[in-house]
Amino acid sequence: MNKPKNNCRRGFTILEAAIATIIIGVAITAIMTLFATCTKVNDFGSKMSSGIFLAEQMRNMTDEVAFDDLPSLNGAVFNGADSDGNPVDGFRDFTQTLSVQPIDWQTMGNTSPGSDMLVITAQITRNNQKVSQLSWVRTQ
């Protein structure tokens, strides 16, 4: 008497295992690419936050300076300084540059010295790349 052959398959074929491995490999590669992109975005956000913090420190510094003394800060350069001019740990690779220019309040354009209005700009750079810039107006 002949026994019927059992055609039940058990396990995976090599082709099925190879396809599953390829799919998993593509998924892992996509996730790793996403992590790399997120790291770059996070680094950019960190630089922006630091730049804005340092620009605000320059604004606080100039708020304490008498109006007539502000033009002397034109072109002043600081390396990661707080509002008192003291270096802040972790920010020494940032450069803060101040620009102080008199402006005409009627035209909001540049004018000669002696104006009652000054526009002050703090430009923040890191490794010679502009990170942020903040401008504000001071009146007498």
Protein backbone atom coordinates (compact mmCIF):
# COMPACT_ATOMS: atom_id res chain seq x y z
CA MET A 1 0.00 0.00 0.00
CA ASN A 2 1.30 3.38 -0.95
CA LYS A 3 1.22 6.14 1.60
CA PRO A 4 0.22 9.56 0.30
CA LYS A 5 3.07 12.02 0.28
CA ASN A 6 2.81 14.82 2.78
CA ASN A 7 3.34 18.06 0.84
CA CYS A 8 3.36 20.25 3.96
CA ARG A 9 6.09 22.87 3.87
CA ARG A 10 7.92 23.71 7.02
CA GLY A 11 10.06 26.86 7.46
CA PHE A 12 11.12 29.37 4.84
CA THR A 13 12.80 28.85 1.55
CA ILE A 14 16.12 30.53 0.89
CA LEU A 15 14.43 32.98 -1.48
CA GLU A 16 11.92 34.05 1.18
CA ALA A 17 14.68 34.54 3.75
CA ALA A 18 16.74 36.61 1.27
CA ILE A 19 13.78 38.87 0.44
CA ALA A 20 13.01 39.37 4.14
CA THR A 21 16.67 40.27 4.77
CA ILE A 22 16.65 42.82 1.94
CA ILE A 23 13.44 44.44 3.24
CA ILE A 24 14.83 44.68 6.76
CA GLY A 25 18.12 46.07 5.42
CA VAL A 26 16.33 48.80 3.45
CA ALA A 27 14.25 49.72 6.53
CA ILE A 28 17.33 49.95 8.75
CA THR A 29 19.13 52.08 6.15
CA ALA A 30 16.14 54.46 5.99
CA ILE A 31 16.05 54.76 9.79
CA MET A 32 19.81 55.47 9.96
CA THR A 33 19.45 58.17 7.29
CA LEU A 34 16.62 59.71 9.32
CA PHE A 35 18.82 59.73 12.44
CA ALA A 36 21.64 61.46 10.54
CA THR A 37 19.25 64.11 9.21
CA CYS A 38 17.74 64.68 12.65
CA THR A 39 21.22 65.08 14.14
CA LYS A 40 22.06 67.78 11.58
CA VAL A 41 18.79 69.61 12.26
CA ASN A 42 19.37 69.37 16.00
CA ASP A 43 22.90 70.79 15.61
CA PHE A 44 21.54 73.68 13.51
CA GLY A 45 18.86 74.41 16.12
CA SER A 46 21.45 74.35 18.89
CA LYS A 47 23.64 76.86 17.01
CA MET A 48 20.64 79.12 16.38
CA SER A 49 19.61 79.04 20.05
CA SER A 50 23.15 79.82 21.14
CA GLY A 51 23.39 82.64 18.60
CA ILE A 52 20.16 84.23 19.76
CA PHE A 53 21.26 83.91 23.39
CA LEU A 54 24.57 85.64 22.64
CA ALA A 55 22.86 88.39 20.61
CA GLU A 56 20.52 89.03 23.53
CA GLN A 57 23.55 89.27 25.80
CA MET A 58 24.92 92.02 23.55
CA ARG A 59 21.58 93.82 23.68
CA ASN A 60 21.58 93.64 27.48
CA MET A 61 25.15 94.95 27.49
CA THR A 62 24.29 97.97 25.35
CA ASP A 63 21.22 98.74 27.50
CA GLU A 64 23.62 99.51 30.36
CA VAL A 65 25.81 101.85 28.26
CA ALA A 66 25.05 105.57 28.13
CA PHE A 67 23.68 106.71 24.77
CA ASP A 68 26.65 109.02 24.06
CA ASP A 69 29.10 106.15 24.68
CA LEU A 70 27.39 103.68 22.31
CA PRO A 71 29.23 104.82 19.13
CA SER A 72 32.49 103.73 20.75
CA LEU A 73 31.18 100.13 20.60
CA ASN A 74 30.98 100.20 16.79
CA GLY A 75 33.10 97.31 15.53
CA ALA A 76 33.58 95.82 19.02
CA VAL A 77 34.23 92.08 18.93
CA PHE A 78 33.59 89.63 21.76
CA ASN A 79 34.12 85.86 21.97
CA GLY A 80 31.12 84.24 23.60
CA ALA A 81 30.64 87.01 26.15
CA ASP A 82 27.76 87.62 28.52
CA SER A 83 26.16 91.01 29.17
CA ASP A 84 29.05 91.99 31.46
CA GLY A 85 31.65 91.16 28.80
CA ASN A 86 32.81 88.01 30.60
CA PRO A 87 33.44 84.86 28.54
CA VAL A 88 30.77 82.14 28.90
CA ASP A 89 32.00 78.56 29.05
CA GLY A 90 30.97 76.58 25.99
CA PHE A 91 30.51 79.68 23.81
CA ARG A 92 34.11 80.75 23.20
CA ASP A 93 34.03 79.54 19.59
CA PHE A 94 31.29 82.10 18.83
CA THR A 95 32.16 85.66 17.81
CA GLN A 96 29.88 88.58 18.60
CA THR A 97 30.39 91.73 16.52
CA LEU A 98 28.56 94.98 17.28
CA SER A 99 27.68 97.62 14.73
CA VAL A 100 26.40 101.01 15.93
CA GLN A 101 25.13 103.43 13.29
CA PRO A 102 23.25 106.73 13.65
CA ILE A 103 19.95 106.89 11.75
CA ASP A 104 17.51 109.61 10.78
CA TRP A 105 14.16 108.96 12.46
CA GLN A 106 12.22 110.51 9.57
CA THR A 107 13.72 108.44 6.76
CA MET A 108 15.11 105.54 8.86
CA GLY A 109 18.27 105.90 6.78
CA ASN A 110 21.87 106.48 7.77
CA THR A 111 22.72 109.94 8.88
CA SER A 112 25.67 111.85 10.23
CA PRO A 113 26.88 111.50 13.82
CA GLY A 114 24.94 113.47 16.40
CA SER A 115 21.61 111.79 15.67
CA ASP A 116 19.16 111.10 18.49
CA MET A 117 18.71 107.53 17.20
CA LEU A 118 21.11 104.65 16.79
CA VAL A 119 20.58 101.26 15.20
CA ILE A 120 22.65 98.60 16.92
CA THR A 121 23.29 95.24 15.27
CA ALA A 122 24.83 92.21 16.92
CA GLN A 123 26.09 89.66 14.42
CA ILE A 124 26.96 86.23 15.78
CA THR A 125 29.30 83.92 13.87
CA ARG A 126 30.83 80.52 14.53
CA ASN A 127 33.80 79.31 12.51
CA ASN A 128 33.36 82.33 10.21
CA GLN A 129 29.76 81.34 9.40
CA LYS A 130 26.91 83.67 10.30
CA VAL A 131 24.67 82.08 12.91
CA SER A 132 22.29 84.90 13.78
CA GLN A 133 21.86 88.65 13.70
CA LEU A 134 19.76 90.92 15.90
CA SER A 135 19.15 94.64 15.36
CA TRP A 136 17.44 97.16 17.60
CA VAL A 137 17.04 100.93 17.88
CA ARG A 138 18.19 103.05 20.81
CA THR A 139 17.03 106.60 21.29
CA GLN A 140 18.48 109.32 23.43
